[in-house]
Amino acid sequence: MFEVLIHSLQFHPILSTISYRFGDEFDRLNILTKHGGFLKPADVVAVNDFASIPSFTKVDMIIPTVQHTRPLIIPVRNLDGVRVVDILDALVTE
């Protein structure tokens, strides 16, 4: 296995503004604006940005759950580098 030591990792700030309830369709997913409104992912150019700096081809999202003792792990893959839209798609697919 190949491992790289990373001194600095930054996730895209849009990831902290996602409003989504598991089980809903993709069109129910919203991105909160700084003015308190919501936008659909199709209206936000930044969803095509890399999800992190540096970019990775594999990201495992670990989401704590209330009902279960184990967290929900959602794998996200993109050989060209995981983008914000890949993470949004993975949330909805899960």
N, C-alpha and C. Protein backbone atom coordinates (compact mmCIF):
# COMPACT_ATOMS: atom_id res chain seq x y z
N MET A 1 0.85 -1.17 0.00
CA MET A 1 0.00 0.00 0.00
C MET A 1 0.89 1.24 0.00
N PHE A 2 0.53 2.23 -0.78
CA PHE A 2 1.28 3.48 -0.89
C PHE A 2 0.69 4.51 0.05
N GLU A 3 1.52 5.09 0.90
CA GLU A 3 1.05 6.10 1.84
C GLU A 3 1.84 7.38 1.66
N VAL A 4 1.15 8.50 1.81
CA VAL A 4 1.78 9.80 1.69
C VAL A 4 1.50 10.57 2.97
N LEU A 5 2.54 11.19 3.51
CA LEU A 5 2.36 12.04 4.68
C LEU A 5 1.90 13.41 4.21
N ILE A 6 0.77 13.85 4.72
CA ILE A 6 0.20 15.14 4.30
C ILE A 6 0.32 16.10 5.47
N HIS A 7 0.92 17.23 5.20
CA HIS A 7 1.11 18.23 6.25
C HIS A 7 -0.07 19.18 6.34
N SER A 8 -0.78 19.33 5.24
CA SER A 8 -1.90 20.27 5.23
C SER A 8 -2.99 19.73 4.32
N LEU A 9 -4.20 19.65 4.85
CA LEU A 9 -5.35 19.18 4.08
C LEU A 9 -6.48 20.17 4.28
N GLN A 10 -7.07 20.58 3.19
CA GLN A 10 -8.18 21.52 3.27
C GLN A 10 -9.33 21.01 2.41
N PHE A 11 -10.51 20.88 3.03
CA PHE A 11 -11.69 20.50 2.28
C PHE A 11 -12.37 21.75 1.72
N HIS A 12 -13.06 21.56 0.62
CA HIS A 12 -13.75 22.68 -0.03
C HIS A 12 -14.79 23.24 0.94
N PRO A 13 -14.83 24.58 1.10
CA PRO A 13 -15.77 25.17 2.06
C PRO A 13 -17.25 24.90 1.75
N ILE A 14 -17.57 24.61 0.52
CA ILE A 14 -18.97 24.34 0.16
C ILE A 14 -19.49 23.08 0.86
N LEU A 15 -18.58 22.18 1.22
CA LEU A 15 -19.00 20.93 1.86
C LEU A 15 -19.65 21.17 3.22
N SER A 16 -19.32 22.27 3.86
CA SER A 16 -19.92 22.56 5.17
C SER A 16 -21.26 23.28 5.05
N THR A 17 -21.71 23.52 3.83
CA THR A 17 -22.97 24.25 3.62
C THR A 17 -24.06 23.39 3.01
N ILE A 18 -23.87 22.09 2.99
CA ILE A 18 -24.83 21.18 2.36
C ILE A 18 -26.00 20.90 3.29
N SER A 19 -27.18 20.99 2.75
CA SER A 19 -28.40 20.65 3.49
C SER A 19 -29.05 19.47 2.77
N TYR A 20 -29.06 18.32 3.44
CA TYR A 20 -29.58 17.11 2.81
C TYR A 20 -30.02 16.13 3.89
N ARG A 21 -31.16 15.48 3.66
CA ARG A 21 -31.64 14.43 4.56
C ARG A 21 -31.51 13.10 3.82
N PHE A 22 -30.81 12.14 4.45
CA PHE A 22 -30.60 10.84 3.83
C PHE A 22 -31.92 10.23 3.40
N GLY A 23 -31.92 9.69 2.20
CA GLY A 23 -33.11 9.05 1.65
C GLY A 23 -33.85 9.95 0.67
N ASP A 24 -33.57 11.26 0.72
CA ASP A 24 -34.21 12.18 -0.23
C ASP A 24 -33.56 12.05 -1.62
N GLU A 25 -34.28 12.52 -2.62
CA GLU A 25 -33.76 12.54 -3.98
C GLU A 25 -32.72 13.65 -4.11
N PHE A 26 -31.91 13.59 -5.17
CA PHE A 26 -30.86 14.57 -5.40
C PHE A 26 -31.43 15.99 -5.50
N ASP A 27 -32.62 16.12 -6.08
CA ASP A 27 -33.19 17.47 -6.25
C ASP A 27 -33.62 18.10 -4.92
N ARG A 28 -33.59 17.34 -3.84
CA ARG A 28 -33.90 17.89 -2.50
C ARG A 28 -32.64 18.40 -1.80
N LEU A 29 -31.48 18.13 -2.38
CA LEU A 29 -30.22 18.57 -1.81
C LEU A 29 -30.04 20.07 -2.07
N ASN A 30 -29.63 20.81 -1.05
CA ASN A 30 -29.44 22.26 -1.17
C ASN A 30 -28.08 22.67 -0.65
N ILE A 31 -27.63 23.82 -1.15
CA ILE A 31 -26.40 24.43 -0.67
C ILE A 31 -26.78 25.78 -0.07
N LEU A 32 -26.45 25.95 1.19
CA LEU A 32 -26.80 27.17 1.91
C LEU A 32 -25.90 28.32 1.46
N THR A 33 -26.49 29.47 1.18
CA THR A 33 -25.72 30.66 0.81
C THR A 33 -25.39 31.46 2.05
N LYS A 34 -24.44 32.37 1.93
CA LYS A 34 -24.08 33.18 3.09
C LYS A 34 -25.16 34.18 3.47
N HIS A 35 -26.17 34.34 2.61
CA HIS A 35 -27.29 35.23 2.90
C HIS A 35 -28.50 34.49 3.47
N GLY A 36 -28.34 33.19 3.74
CA GLY A 36 -29.42 32.42 4.35
C GLY A 36 -30.34 31.75 3.35
N GLY A 37 -30.08 31.90 2.07
CA GLY A 37 -30.89 31.24 1.05
C GLY A 37 -30.31 29.89 0.67
N PHE A 38 -30.95 29.24 -0.28
CA PHE A 38 -30.49 27.94 -0.74
C PHE A 38 -30.34 27.94 -2.25
N LEU A 39 -29.35 27.20 -2.74
CA LEU A 39 -29.15 27.01 -4.17
C LEU A 39 -29.11 25.52 -4.46
N LYS A 40 -29.49 25.15 -5.66
CA LYS A 40 -29.38 23.77 -6.11
C LYS A 40 -27.97 23.54 -6.63
N PRO A 41 -27.41 22.34 -6.49
CA PRO A 41 -26.05 22.08 -6.97
C PRO A 41 -25.84 22.46 -8.44
N ALA A 42 -26.84 22.27 -9.27
CA ALA A 42 -26.70 22.60 -10.70
C ALA A 42 -26.47 24.10 -10.92
N ASP A 43 -26.83 24.92 -9.94
CA ASP A 43 -26.67 26.37 -10.05
C ASP A 43 -25.37 26.87 -9.45
N VAL A 44 -24.54 25.96 -8.96
CA VAL A 44 -23.30 26.34 -8.28
C VAL A 44 -22.11 25.75 -9.05
N VAL A 45 -21.33 26.63 -9.67
CA VAL A 45 -20.18 26.19 -10.47
C VAL A 45 -19.16 25.44 -9.61
N ALA A 46 -19.05 25.80 -8.36
CA ALA A 46 -18.05 25.22 -7.46
C ALA A 46 -18.24 23.73 -7.22
N VAL A 47 -19.38 23.16 -7.57
CA VAL A 47 -19.56 21.72 -7.35
C VAL A 47 -18.62 20.90 -8.23
N ASN A 48 -18.06 21.54 -9.25
CA ASN A 48 -17.10 20.85 -10.12
C ASN A 48 -15.66 20.99 -9.64
N ASP A 49 -15.45 21.72 -8.55
CA ASP A 49 -14.11 21.87 -7.97
C ASP A 49 -13.70 20.58 -7.27
N PHE A 50 -12.39 20.42 -7.09
CA PHE A 50 -11.92 19.31 -6.28
C PHE A 50 -12.45 19.46 -4.88
N ALA A 51 -12.75 18.34 -4.24
CA ALA A 51 -13.33 18.35 -2.89
C ALA A 51 -12.29 18.71 -1.83
N SER A 52 -11.02 18.57 -2.16
CA SER A 52 -9.97 18.87 -1.18
C SER A 52 -8.71 19.34 -1.89
N ILE A 53 -7.87 19.98 -1.09
CA ILE A 53 -6.53 20.34 -1.54
C ILE A 53 -5.58 19.74 -0.52
N PRO A 54 -4.70 18.85 -0.90
CA PRO A 54 -4.55 18.32 -2.26
C PRO A 54 -5.72 17.42 -2.63
N SER A 55 -5.84 17.15 -3.92
CA SER A 55 -6.95 16.29 -4.37
C SER A 55 -6.57 14.82 -4.19
N PHE A 56 -7.60 13.99 -4.04
CA PHE A 56 -7.43 12.55 -3.86
C PHE A 56 -8.33 11.81 -4.83
N THR A 57 -7.99 10.57 -5.14
CA THR A 57 -8.84 9.75 -5.99
C THR A 57 -9.82 8.93 -5.17
N LYS A 58 -9.62 8.90 -3.85
CA LYS A 58 -10.47 8.11 -2.96
C LYS A 58 -10.69 8.88 -1.65
N VAL A 59 -11.95 9.01 -1.27
CA VAL A 59 -12.31 9.63 0.00
C VAL A 59 -13.37 8.75 0.66
N ASP A 60 -13.20 8.43 1.91
CA ASP A 60 -14.21 7.71 2.67
C ASP A 60 -14.83 8.69 3.66
N MET A 61 -16.09 9.02 3.45
CA MET A 61 -16.79 9.91 4.38
C MET A 61 -17.26 9.07 5.56
N ILE A 62 -16.97 9.52 6.74
CA ILE A 62 -17.40 8.83 7.96
C ILE A 62 -18.40 9.74 8.66
N ILE A 63 -19.64 9.28 8.73
CA ILE A 63 -20.73 10.09 9.26
C ILE A 63 -21.30 9.42 10.50
N PRO A 64 -21.23 10.12 11.65
CA PRO A 64 -21.80 9.55 12.87
C PRO A 64 -23.32 9.40 12.73
N THR A 65 -23.85 8.38 13.33
CA THR A 65 -25.29 8.16 13.28
C THR A 65 -25.87 8.15 14.69
N VAL A 66 -27.12 8.51 14.79
CA VAL A 66 -27.79 8.52 16.09
C VAL A 66 -28.32 7.13 16.42
N GLN A 67 -28.85 6.45 15.43
CA GLN A 67 -29.53 5.18 15.66
C GLN A 67 -28.57 4.00 15.82
N HIS A 68 -27.37 4.11 15.28
CA HIS A 68 -26.46 2.97 15.27
C HIS A 68 -25.23 3.30 16.09
N THR A 69 -24.57 2.26 16.56
CA THR A 69 -23.34 2.47 17.32
C THR A 69 -22.15 2.70 16.39
N ARG A 70 -22.26 2.21 15.16
CA ARG A 70 -21.17 2.39 14.20
C ARG A 70 -21.51 3.52 13.24
N PRO A 71 -20.51 4.28 12.81
CA PRO A 71 -20.77 5.37 11.87
C PRO A 71 -21.07 4.83 10.47
N LEU A 72 -21.69 5.64 9.68
CA LEU A 72 -21.95 5.33 8.28
C LEU A 72 -20.71 5.71 7.49
N ILE A 73 -20.18 4.78 6.70
CA ILE A 73 -18.99 5.05 5.88
C ILE A 73 -19.42 5.04 4.42
N ILE A 74 -19.20 6.18 3.75
CA ILE A 74 -19.59 6.33 2.36
C ILE A 74 -18.33 6.51 1.52
N PRO A 75 -18.01 5.51 0.67
CA PRO A 75 -16.83 5.64 -0.19
C PRO A 75 -17.12 6.52 -1.41
N VAL A 76 -16.16 7.35 -1.76
CA VAL A 76 -16.27 8.21 -2.94
C VAL A 76 -15.00 8.01 -3.76
N ARG A 77 -15.16 7.72 -5.05
CA ARG A 77 -14.01 7.47 -5.92
C ARG A 77 -14.12 8.28 -7.21
N ASN A 78 -12.99 8.78 -7.67
CA ASN A 78 -12.89 9.42 -8.97
C ASN A 78 -11.41 9.39 -9.35
N LEU A 79 -11.07 8.65 -10.40
CA LEU A 79 -9.67 8.49 -10.79
C LEU A 79 -9.02 9.81 -11.22
N ASP A 80 -9.84 10.79 -11.57
CA ASP A 80 -9.33 12.11 -11.95
C ASP A 80 -9.26 13.06 -10.75
N GLY A 81 -9.64 12.59 -9.57
CA GLY A 81 -9.68 13.41 -8.36
C GLY A 81 -11.11 13.62 -7.93
N VAL A 82 -11.40 13.36 -6.67
CA VAL A 82 -12.77 13.50 -6.13
C VAL A 82 -13.17 14.97 -6.16
N ARG A 83 -14.33 15.22 -6.72
CA ARG A 83 -14.87 16.57 -6.82
C ARG A 83 -16.08 16.70 -5.88
N VAL A 84 -16.47 17.92 -5.61
CA VAL A 84 -17.62 18.17 -4.72
C VAL A 84 -18.84 17.40 -5.22
N VAL A 85 -19.10 17.43 -6.52
CA VAL A 85 -20.28 16.75 -7.06
C VAL A 85 -20.22 15.24 -6.84
N ASP A 86 -19.02 14.66 -6.81
CA ASP A 86 -18.88 13.23 -6.52
C ASP A 86 -19.35 12.93 -5.09
N ILE A 87 -19.03 13.81 -4.17
CA ILE A 87 -19.45 13.64 -2.78
C ILE A 87 -20.98 13.78 -2.68
N LEU A 88 -21.54 14.77 -3.37
CA LEU A 88 -22.99 14.95 -3.35
C LEU A 88 -23.70 13.74 -3.93
N ASP A 89 -23.19 13.22 -5.04
CA ASP A 89 -23.78 12.01 -5.66
C ASP A 89 -23.70 10.82 -4.70
N ALA A 90 -22.57 10.68 -4.01
CA ALA A 90 -22.40 9.56 -3.08
C ALA A 90 -23.37 9.65 -1.91
N LEU A 91 -23.61 10.86 -1.42
CA LEU A 91 -24.58 11.04 -0.33
C LEU A 91 -25.96 10.56 -0.74
N VAL A 92 -26.37 10.93 -1.94
CA VAL A 92 -27.70 10.58 -2.42
C VAL A 92 -27.79 9.09 -2.74
N THR A 93 -26.72 8.53 -3.29
CA THR A 93 -26.71 7.11 -3.65
C THR A 93 -26.78 6.23 -2.42
N GLU A 94 -26.16 6.69 -1.32
CA GLU A 94 -26.15 5.91 -0.09
C GLU A 94 -27.55 5.83 0.42
